[in-house]
C-alpha atoms as a PDB file:
ATOM      1  CA  UNK A   1     153.687 105.437 168.065  1.00  0.00           C
ATOM      2  CA  UNK A   2     151.576 103.551 170.493  1.00  0.00           C
ATOM      3  CA  UNK A   3     148.646 104.936 168.813  1.00  0.00           C
ATOM      4  CA  UNK A   4     149.343 103.401 165.589  1.00  0.00           C
ATOM      5  CA  UNK A   5     149.225  99.809 166.423  1.00  0.00           C
ATOM      6  CA  UNK A   6     146.110 100.491 168.603  1.00  0.00           C
ATOM      7  CA  UNK A   7     144.484 101.962 165.686  1.00  0.00           C
ATOM      8  CA  UNK A   8     145.509  99.068 163.663  1.00  0.00           C
ATOM      9  CA  UNK A   9     144.037  96.745 166.263  1.00  0.00           C
ATOM     10  CA  UNK A  10     140.820  98.865 166.447  1.00  0.00           C
ATOM     11  CA  UNK A  11     140.445  98.515 162.746  1.00  0.00           C
ATOM     12  CA  UNK A  12     140.648  94.640 162.866  1.00  0.00           C
ATOM     13  CA  UNK A  13     138.585  94.814 165.940  1.00  0.00           C
ATOM     14  CA  UNK A  14     135.759  96.466 163.684  1.00  0.00           C
ATOM     15  CA  UNK A  15     136.163  94.013 160.767  1.00  0.00           C
ATOM     16  CA  UNK A  16     133.793  91.364 161.990  1.00  0.00           C
ATOM     17  CA  UNK A  17     131.132  93.978 161.915  1.00  0.00           C
ATOM     18  CA  UNK A  18     131.819  94.898 158.262  1.00  0.00           C
ATOM     19  CA  UNK A  19     131.463  91.177 157.256  1.00  0.00           C
ATOM     20  CA  UNK A  20     128.135  90.456 156.031  1.00  0.00           C
ATOM     21  CA  UNK A  21     126.633  87.854 158.573  1.00  0.00           C
ATOM     22  CA  UNK A  22     123.298  85.964 157.803  1.00  0.00           C
ATOM     23  CA  UNK A  23     120.486  87.623 159.273  1.00  0.00           C
ATOM     24  CA  UNK A  24     119.462  85.341 162.261  1.00  0.00           C
ATOM     25  CA  UNK A  25     115.883  86.475 161.771  1.00  0.00           C
ATOM     26  CA  UNK A  26     116.181  85.102 158.244  1.00  0.00           C
ATOM     27  CA  UNK A  27     115.145  81.552 157.074  1.00  0.00           C
ATOM     28  CA  UNK A  28     116.425  79.597 154.025  1.00  0.00           C
ATOM     29  CA  UNK A  29     113.502  77.374 152.971  1.00  0.00           C
ATOM     30  CA  UNK A  30     113.488  74.485 150.460  1.00  0.00           C
ATOM     31  CA  UNK A  31     110.151  74.723 148.485  1.00  0.00           C
ATOM     32  CA  UNK A  32     109.457  71.416 146.790  1.00  0.00           C
ATOM     33  CA  UNK A  33     107.310  70.129 143.845  1.00  0.00           C
ATOM     34  CA  UNK A  34     108.049  67.049 141.896  1.00  0.00           C
ATOM     35  CA  UNK A  35     111.769  66.969 141.246  1.00  0.00           C
ATOM     36  CA  UNK A  36     112.002  70.943 141.426  1.00  0.00           C
ATOM     37  CA  UNK A  37     113.336  72.723 144.681  1.00  0.00           C
ATOM     38  CA  UNK A  38     113.448  76.419 144.925  1.00  0.00           C
ATOM     39  CA  UNK A  39     115.586  77.715 147.649  1.00  0.00           C
ATOM     40  CA  UNK A  40     114.425  81.117 149.058  1.00  0.00           C
ATOM     41  CA  UNK A  41     116.132  83.233 151.919  1.00  0.00           C
ATOM     42  CA  UNK A  42     113.325  85.152 153.707  1.00  0.00           C
ATOM     43  CA  UNK A  43     112.784  87.193 156.763  1.00  0.00           C
ATOM     44  CA  UNK A  44     110.971  85.125 159.377  1.00  0.00           C
ATOM     45  CA  UNK A  45     108.370  88.106 159.687  1.00  0.00           C
ATOM     46  CA  UNK A  46     107.548  87.480 155.953  1.00  0.00           C
ATOM     47  CA  UNK A  47     103.903  86.657 155.640  1.00  0.00           C
ATOM     48  CA  UNK A  48     102.905  83.531 153.825  1.00  0.00           C
ATOM     49  CA  UNK A  49     101.176  85.698 151.173  1.00  0.00           C
ATOM     50  CA  UNK A  50     104.370  87.303 150.398  1.00  0.00           C
ATOM     51  CA  UNK A  51     106.253  84.026 150.494  1.00  0.00           C
ATOM     52  CA  UNK A  52     103.802  82.565 147.765  1.00  0.00           C
ATOM     53  CA  UNK A  53     104.537  85.724 145.547  1.00  0.00           C
ATOM     54  CA  UNK A  54     108.178  85.381 145.716  1.00  0.00           C
ATOM     55  CA  UNK A  55     108.059  81.601 145.037  1.00  0.00           C
ATOM     56  CA  UNK A  56     105.845  82.385 142.118  1.00  0.00           C
ATOM     57  CA  UNK A  57     108.196  85.171 140.921  1.00  0.00           C
ATOM     58  CA  UNK A  58     111.074  82.796 141.147  1.00  0.00           C
ATOM     59  CA  UNK A  59     109.283  80.191 139.126  1.00  0.00           C
ATOM     60  CA  UNK A  60     108.215  82.703 136.377  1.00  0.00           C
ATOM     61  CA  UNK A  61     112.043  84.102 136.318  1.00  0.00           C
ATOM     62  CA  UNK A  62     113.190  80.812 135.192  1.00  0.00           C
ATOM     63  CA  UNK A  63     110.682  80.567 132.458  1.00  0.00           C
ATOM     64  CA  UNK A  64     108.774  77.720 133.795  1.00  0.00           C
ATOM     65  CA  UNK A  65     105.244  77.209 132.343  1.00  0.00           C
ATOM     66  CA  UNK A  66     104.353  74.020 134.498  1.00  0.00           C
ATOM     67  CA  UNK A  67     105.815  71.513 136.786  1.00  0.00           C
ATOM     68  CA  UNK A  68     104.998  67.892 136.052  1.00  0.00           C
ATOM     69  CA  UNK A  69     102.025  68.786 133.919  1.00  0.00           C
ATOM     70  CA  UNK A  70     100.659  71.189 136.592  1.00  0.00           C
ATOM     71  CA  UNK A  71     100.365  74.764 134.923  1.00  0.00           C
ATOM     72  CA  UNK A  72     102.128  77.373 137.189  1.00  0.00           C
ATOM     73  CA  UNK A  73      99.230  79.766 138.053  1.00  0.00           C
ATOM     74  CA  UNK A  74      99.219  83.456 137.543  1.00  0.00           C
ATOM     75  CA  UNK A  75      97.994  84.417 140.919  1.00  0.00           C
ATOM     76  CA  UNK A  76     100.089  83.512 143.843  1.00  0.00           C
ATOM     77  CA  UNK A  77      97.044  82.843 146.051  1.00  0.00           C
ATOM     78  CA  UNK A  78      96.462  79.647 143.942  1.00  0.00           C
ATOM     79  CA  UNK A  79      99.474  78.204 145.570  1.00  0.00           C
ATOM     80  CA  UNK A  80      99.325  75.868 148.751  1.00  0.00           C
ATOM     81  CA  UNK A  81     102.018  75.068 151.155  1.00  0.00           C
ATOM     82  CA  UNK A  82     102.614  71.635 152.913  1.00  0.00           C
ATOM     83  CA  UNK A  83     104.792  70.919 155.890  1.00  0.00           C
ATOM     84  CA  UNK A  84     106.128  67.800 156.593  1.00  0.00           C
ATOM     85  CA  UNK A  85     104.356  65.331 158.863  1.00  0.00           C
ATOM     86  CA  UNK A  86     107.586  64.389 160.147  1.00  0.00           C
ATOM     87  CA  UNK A  87     110.511  66.937 159.760  1.00  0.00           C
ATOM     88  CA  UNK A  88     113.148  64.144 160.258  1.00  0.00           C
ATOM     89  CA  UNK A  89     111.394  61.739 157.735  1.00  0.00           C
ATOM     90  CA  UNK A  90     109.764  63.496 154.695  1.00  0.00           C
ATOM     91  CA  UNK A  91     108.711  60.271 153.184  1.00  0.00           C
ATOM     92  CA  UNK A  92     105.955  60.289 155.965  1.00  0.00           C
ATOM     93  CA  UNK A  93     104.247  62.906 153.819  1.00  0.00           C
ATOM     94  CA  UNK A  94     103.056  66.453 153.989  1.00  0.00           C
ATOM     95  CA  UNK A  95     100.225  68.226 155.522  1.00  0.00           C
ATOM     96  CA  UNK A  96      98.645  71.526 154.645  1.00  0.00           C
ATOM     97  CA  UNK A  97     100.482  74.710 156.181  1.00  0.00           C
ATOM     98  CA  UNK A  98      97.271  76.878 156.043  1.00  0.00           C
ATOM     99  CA  UNK A  99      94.205  76.704 157.977  1.00  0.00           C
ATOM    100  CA  UNK A 100      91.142  76.587 155.861  1.00  0.00           C
ATOM    101  CA  UNK A 101      90.592  80.304 155.822  1.00  0.00           C
ATOM    102  CA  UNK A 102      89.128  81.789 152.513  1.00  0.00           C
ATOM    103  CA  UNK A 103      91.582  83.884 150.737  1.00  0.00           C
ATOM    104  CA  UNK A 104      89.149  86.921 150.731  1.00  0.00           C
ATOM    105  CA  UNK A 105      89.007  87.026 154.438  1.00  0.00           C
ATOM    106  CA  UNK A 106      92.786  87.007 154.600  1.00  0.00           C
ATOM    107  CA  UNK A 107      93.118  89.842 152.147  1.00  0.00           C
ATOM    108  CA  UNK A 108      90.435  92.003 153.809  1.00  0.00           C
ATOM    109  CA  UNK A 109      92.074  91.685 157.182  1.00  0.00           C
ATOM    110  CA  UNK A 110      95.696  92.113 155.875  1.00  0.00           C
ATOM    111  CA  UNK A 111      95.471  95.858 157.199  1.00  0.00           C
ATOM    112  CA  UNK A 112      95.320  94.627 160.852  1.00  0.00           C
ATOM    113  CA  UNK A 113      98.667  93.832 162.262  1.00  0.00           C
ATOM    114  CA  UNK A 114      97.219  90.987 164.418  1.00  0.00           C
ATOM    115  CA  UNK A 115      96.122  89.298 161.134  1.00  0.00           C
ATOM    116  CA  UNK A 116      99.420  89.742 159.402  1.00  0.00           C
ATOM    117  CA  UNK A 117     101.290  88.572 162.241  1.00  0.00           C
ATOM    118  CA  UNK A 118      99.318  85.217 162.501  1.00  0.00           C
ATOM    119  CA  UNK A 119     100.144  84.666 158.927  1.00  0.00           C
ATOM    120  CA  UNK A 120     104.156  84.591 159.191  1.00  0.00           C
ATOM    121  CA  UNK A 121     106.801  82.144 158.560  1.00  0.00           C
ATOM    122  CA  UNK A 122     107.638  82.717 162.427  1.00  0.00           C
ATOM    123  CA  UNK A 123     104.040  82.167 163.535  1.00  0.00           C
ATOM    124  CA  UNK A 124     103.870  78.914 161.397  1.00  0.00           C
ATOM    125  CA  UNK A 125     107.013  77.763 163.318  1.00  0.00           C
ATOM    126  CA  UNK A 126     109.035  77.052 160.189  1.00  0.00           C
ATOM    127  CA  UNK A 127     112.772  76.485 160.708  1.00  0.00           C
ATOM    128  CA  UNK A 128     115.679  77.345 158.844  1.00  0.00           C
ATOM    129  CA  UNK A 129     116.683  74.903 156.259  1.00  0.00           C
ATOM    130  CA  UNK A 130     113.096  73.365 156.291  1.00  0.00           C
ATOM    131  CA  UNK A 131     111.660  71.724 153.351  1.00  0.00           C
ATOM    132  CA  UNK A 132     108.040  72.907 152.373  1.00  0.00           C
ATOM    133  CA  UNK A 133     106.002  71.241 149.666  1.00  0.00           C
ATOM    134  CA  UNK A 134     103.980  73.331 147.187  1.00  0.00           C
ATOM    135  CA  UNK A 135     101.111  72.625 145.003  1.00  0.00           C
ATOM    136  CA  UNK A 136      98.761  74.747 142.666  1.00  0.00           C
ATOM    137  CA  UNK A 137      95.155  75.102 143.580  1.00  0.00           C
ATOM    138  CA  UNK A 138      92.881  74.992 140.616  1.00  0.00           C
ATOM    139  CA  UNK A 139      90.167  77.717 140.415  1.00  0.00           C
ATOM    140  CA  UNK A 140      86.894  77.900 138.239  1.00  0.00           C
ATOM    141  CA  UNK A 141      83.479  76.176 137.724  1.00  0.00           C
ATOM    142  CA  UNK A 142      85.250  73.125 135.990  1.00  0.00           C
ATOM    143  CA  UNK A 143      87.466  72.675 139.135  1.00  0.00           C
ATOM    144  CA  UNK A 144      84.471  72.447 141.386  1.00  0.00           C
ATOM    145  CA  UNK A 145      83.433  69.100 139.770  1.00  0.00           C
ATOM    146  CA  UNK A 146      87.030  67.850 140.191  1.00  0.00           C
ATOM    147  CA  UNK A 147      86.883  69.210 143.973  1.00  0.00           C
ATOM    148  CA  UNK A 148      83.859  66.850 144.453  1.00  0.00           C
ATOM    149  CA  UNK A 149      86.118  64.033 143.552  1.00  0.00           C
ATOM    150  CA  UNK A 150      88.875  65.349 145.745  1.00  0.00           C
ATOM    151  CA  UNK A 151      86.585  65.285 148.766  1.00  0.00           C
ATOM    152  CA  UNK A 152      86.059  61.504 148.378  1.00  0.00           C
ATOM    153  CA  UNK A 153      89.760  61.309 148.888  1.00  0.00           C
ATOM    154  CA  UNK A 154      91.548  62.663 152.108  1.00  0.00           C
ATOM    155  CA  UNK A 155      93.824  64.867 150.263  1.00  0.00           C
ATOM    156  CA  UNK A 156      94.862  65.628 146.488  1.00  0.00           C
ATOM    157  CA  UNK A 157      98.410  64.852 147.668  1.00  0.00           C
ATOM    158  CA  UNK A 158     101.499  66.497 147.396  1.00  0.00           C
ATOM    159  CA  UNK A 159     103.766  65.869 144.267  1.00  0.00           C
ATOM    160  CA  UNK A 160     107.282  65.622 145.882  1.00  0.00           C
ATOM    161  CA  UNK A 161     109.899  63.332 144.608  1.00  0.00           C
ATOM    162  CA  UNK A 162     112.616  62.790 147.210  1.00  0.00           C
ATOM    163  CA  UNK A 163     116.019  61.664 146.208  1.00  0.00           C
ATOM    164  CA  UNK A 164     116.712  58.045 146.652  1.00  0.00           C
ATOM    165  CA  UNK A 165     120.478  57.643 147.924  1.00  0.00           C
ATOM    166  CA  UNK A 166     120.405  54.121 146.743  1.00  0.00           C
ATOM    167  CA  UNK A 167     120.137  55.003 143.092  1.00  0.00           C
ATOM    168  CA  UNK A 168     122.838  57.581 143.471  1.00  0.00           C
ATOM    169  CA  UNK A 169     125.258  55.069 145.059  1.00  0.00           C
ATOM    170  CA  UNK A 170     124.779  52.659 142.041  1.00  0.00           C
ATOM    171  CA  UNK A 171     125.308  55.349 139.378  1.00  0.00           C
ATOM    172  CA  UNK A 172     128.622  56.199 141.210  1.00  0.00           C
ATOM    173  CA  UNK A 173     129.514  52.560 141.163  1.00  0.00           C
ATOM    174  CA  UNK A 174     128.807  52.267 137.221  1.00  0.00           C
ATOM    175  CA  UNK A 175     130.906  55.265 136.304  1.00  0.00           C
END
């Protein structure tokens, strides 16, 4: 009879292993553009290119054609990511996540493990729960003329609208 309780205890001892725990190597990232936020849970070993593909598929699955007048591209390579200048104060702005490496070079070297490893979320030092800005790069001859104008500026900017808590508090008081 002693074996029955020990089996019972053994069963409960195994229970935590059966419960699905979040993978400690996964990251939940908040991708932001204008008032849109897309939450994706990704392995930290995902490449930036794979992450762009998943973000694009997520936007397309919702039937979105554009965000604040910016047309959603058909090709994920036309998505750019930005990381906060100060992770504790998103209002300080964003800076490009990716170095200025032509997409063709990234694609050609994708077979090499070292190149793939350098382009991972982990290598980019992204943290769980971090906000990432995204924008759409424009391609084509017409866009080169626009690029000349953009070069005169420091950066085309990141269209991210952060919630203002003062407004929310006022709305609650009015209700």
